[in-house]
C-alpha atoms as a PDB file:
ATOM      1  CA  UNK A   1     -22.500  15.847  34.882  1.00  0.00           C
ATOM      2  CA  UNK A   2     -25.650  14.085  36.192  1.00  0.00           C
ATOM      3  CA  UNK A   3     -26.141  10.444  35.237  1.00  0.00           C
ATOM      4  CA  UNK A   4     -28.279   9.804  32.219  1.00  0.00           C
ATOM      5  CA  UNK A   5     -30.973   7.268  31.470  1.00  0.00           C
ATOM      6  CA  UNK A   6     -28.451   5.320  29.355  1.00  0.00           C
ATOM      7  CA  UNK A   7     -26.437   4.406  32.455  1.00  0.00           C
ATOM      8  CA  UNK A   8     -29.237   2.284  33.902  1.00  0.00           C
ATOM      9  CA  UNK A   9     -30.517  -0.115  31.263  1.00  0.00           C
ATOM     10  CA  UNK A  10     -31.324  -2.579  34.040  1.00  0.00           C
ATOM     11  CA  UNK A  11     -34.048  -0.231  35.298  1.00  0.00           C
ATOM     12  CA  UNK A  12     -35.659  -0.176  31.855  1.00  0.00           C
ATOM     13  CA  UNK A  13     -35.407  -3.954  31.633  1.00  0.00           C
ATOM     14  CA  UNK A  14     -36.893  -4.359  35.096  1.00  0.00           C
ATOM     15  CA  UNK A  15     -39.820  -2.087  34.258  1.00  0.00           C
ATOM     16  CA  UNK A  16     -40.508  -3.942  31.012  1.00  0.00           C
ATOM     17  CA  UNK A  17     -40.287  -7.346  32.720  1.00  0.00           C
ATOM     18  CA  UNK A  18     -42.717  -6.145  35.391  1.00  0.00           C
ATOM     19  CA  UNK A  19     -45.060  -4.778  32.703  1.00  0.00           C
ATOM     20  CA  UNK A  20     -44.990  -8.166  30.929  1.00  0.00           C
ATOM     21  CA  UNK A  21     -45.539 -10.120  34.163  1.00  0.00           C
ATOM     22  CA  UNK A  22     -48.511  -7.934  35.068  1.00  0.00           C
ATOM     23  CA  UNK A  23     -49.910  -8.272  31.541  1.00  0.00           C
ATOM     24  CA  UNK A  24     -49.754 -12.059  31.909  1.00  0.00           C
ATOM     25  CA  UNK A  25     -52.309 -11.595  34.703  1.00  0.00           C
ATOM     26  CA  UNK A  26     -54.392  -9.143  32.682  1.00  0.00           C
ATOM     27  CA  UNK A  27     -53.126  -6.161  34.686  1.00  0.00           C
ATOM     28  CA  UNK A  28     -51.997  -2.881  33.140  1.00  0.00           C
ATOM     29  CA  UNK A  29     -50.434  -0.052  35.096  1.00  0.00           C
ATOM     30  CA  UNK A  30     -50.368   2.773  32.531  1.00  0.00           C
ATOM     31  CA  UNK A  31     -47.966   4.880  34.607  1.00  0.00           C
ATOM     32  CA  UNK A  32     -45.437   2.087  35.125  1.00  0.00           C
ATOM     33  CA  UNK A  33     -41.983   3.192  34.051  1.00  0.00           C
ATOM     34  CA  UNK A  34     -38.602   4.359  35.215  1.00  0.00           C
ATOM     35  CA  UNK A  35     -38.675   7.362  37.538  1.00  0.00           C
ATOM     36  CA  UNK A  36     -36.831  10.020  35.545  1.00  0.00           C
ATOM     37  CA  UNK A  37     -35.872  12.323  38.458  1.00  0.00           C
ATOM     38  CA  UNK A  38     -33.644   9.573  39.836  1.00  0.00           C
ATOM     39  CA  UNK A  39     -31.575   9.860  36.658  1.00  0.00           C
ATOM     40  CA  UNK A  40     -31.132  13.601  37.126  1.00  0.00           C
ATOM     41  CA  UNK A  41     -30.034  13.262  40.738  1.00  0.00           C
ATOM     42  CA  UNK A  42     -26.566  14.514  41.600  1.00  0.00           C
ATOM     43  CA  UNK A  43     -26.310  11.878  44.297  1.00  0.00           C
ATOM     44  CA  UNK A  44     -25.415   8.271  43.573  1.00  0.00           C
ATOM     45  CA  UNK A  45     -28.694   6.440  43.771  1.00  0.00           C
ATOM     46  CA  UNK A  46     -30.308   3.436  42.259  1.00  0.00           C
ATOM     47  CA  UNK A  47     -32.967   4.309  39.723  1.00  0.00           C
ATOM     48  CA  UNK A  48     -36.529   3.811  40.861  1.00  0.00           C
ATOM     49  CA  UNK A  49     -39.273   2.009  38.990  1.00  0.00           C
ATOM     50  CA  UNK A  50     -42.443   4.033  39.320  1.00  0.00           C
ATOM     51  CA  UNK A  51     -45.615   1.990  39.561  1.00  0.00           C
ATOM     52  CA  UNK A  52     -47.844   5.030  39.322  1.00  0.00           C
ATOM     53  CA  UNK A  53     -51.517   5.189  40.127  1.00  0.00           C
ATOM     54  CA  UNK A  54     -54.250   2.686  39.403  1.00  0.00           C
ATOM     55  CA  UNK A  55     -57.977   2.391  39.984  1.00  0.00           C
ATOM     56  CA  UNK A  56     -59.572   0.120  42.581  1.00  0.00           C
ATOM     57  CA  UNK A  57     -60.306  -2.666  40.080  1.00  0.00           C
ATOM     58  CA  UNK A  58     -56.657  -2.775  39.022  1.00  0.00           C
ATOM     59  CA  UNK A  59     -55.480  -2.697  42.645  1.00  0.00           C
ATOM     60  CA  UNK A  60     -57.769  -5.639  43.457  1.00  0.00           C
ATOM     61  CA  UNK A  61     -56.551  -7.576  40.411  1.00  0.00           C
ATOM     62  CA  UNK A  62     -52.951  -6.938  41.463  1.00  0.00           C
ATOM     63  CA  UNK A  63     -53.702  -8.067  45.015  1.00  0.00           C
ATOM     64  CA  UNK A  64     -55.393 -11.237  43.750  1.00  0.00           C
ATOM     65  CA  UNK A  65     -52.445 -12.060  41.459  1.00  0.00           C
ATOM     66  CA  UNK A  66     -49.951 -11.578  44.283  1.00  0.00           C
ATOM     67  CA  UNK A  67     -51.984 -13.685  46.706  1.00  0.00           C
ATOM     68  CA  UNK A  68     -52.394 -16.402  44.088  1.00  0.00           C
ATOM     69  CA  UNK A  69     -48.621 -16.409  43.670  1.00  0.00           C
ATOM     70  CA  UNK A  70     -48.157 -17.271  47.360  1.00  0.00           C
ATOM     71  CA  UNK A  71     -50.899 -19.877  47.310  1.00  0.00           C
ATOM     72  CA  UNK A  72     -53.643 -17.930  49.064  1.00  0.00           C
END
């Protein structure tokens, strides 16, 4: 039987923590979530967190937040 979403609550937690951290910088990635095909895989794999797509303004805001975090 393939693994189910319930076996990886840490992936859900990670995605929600990332969503909250991005929101603290005013950034929303609407497609952010756990990659469901990794739960259906027959091979042992770590679940993936899908960041999804974003527009240029969001990408620039994300870049600025990351650079600010390293003091640049």
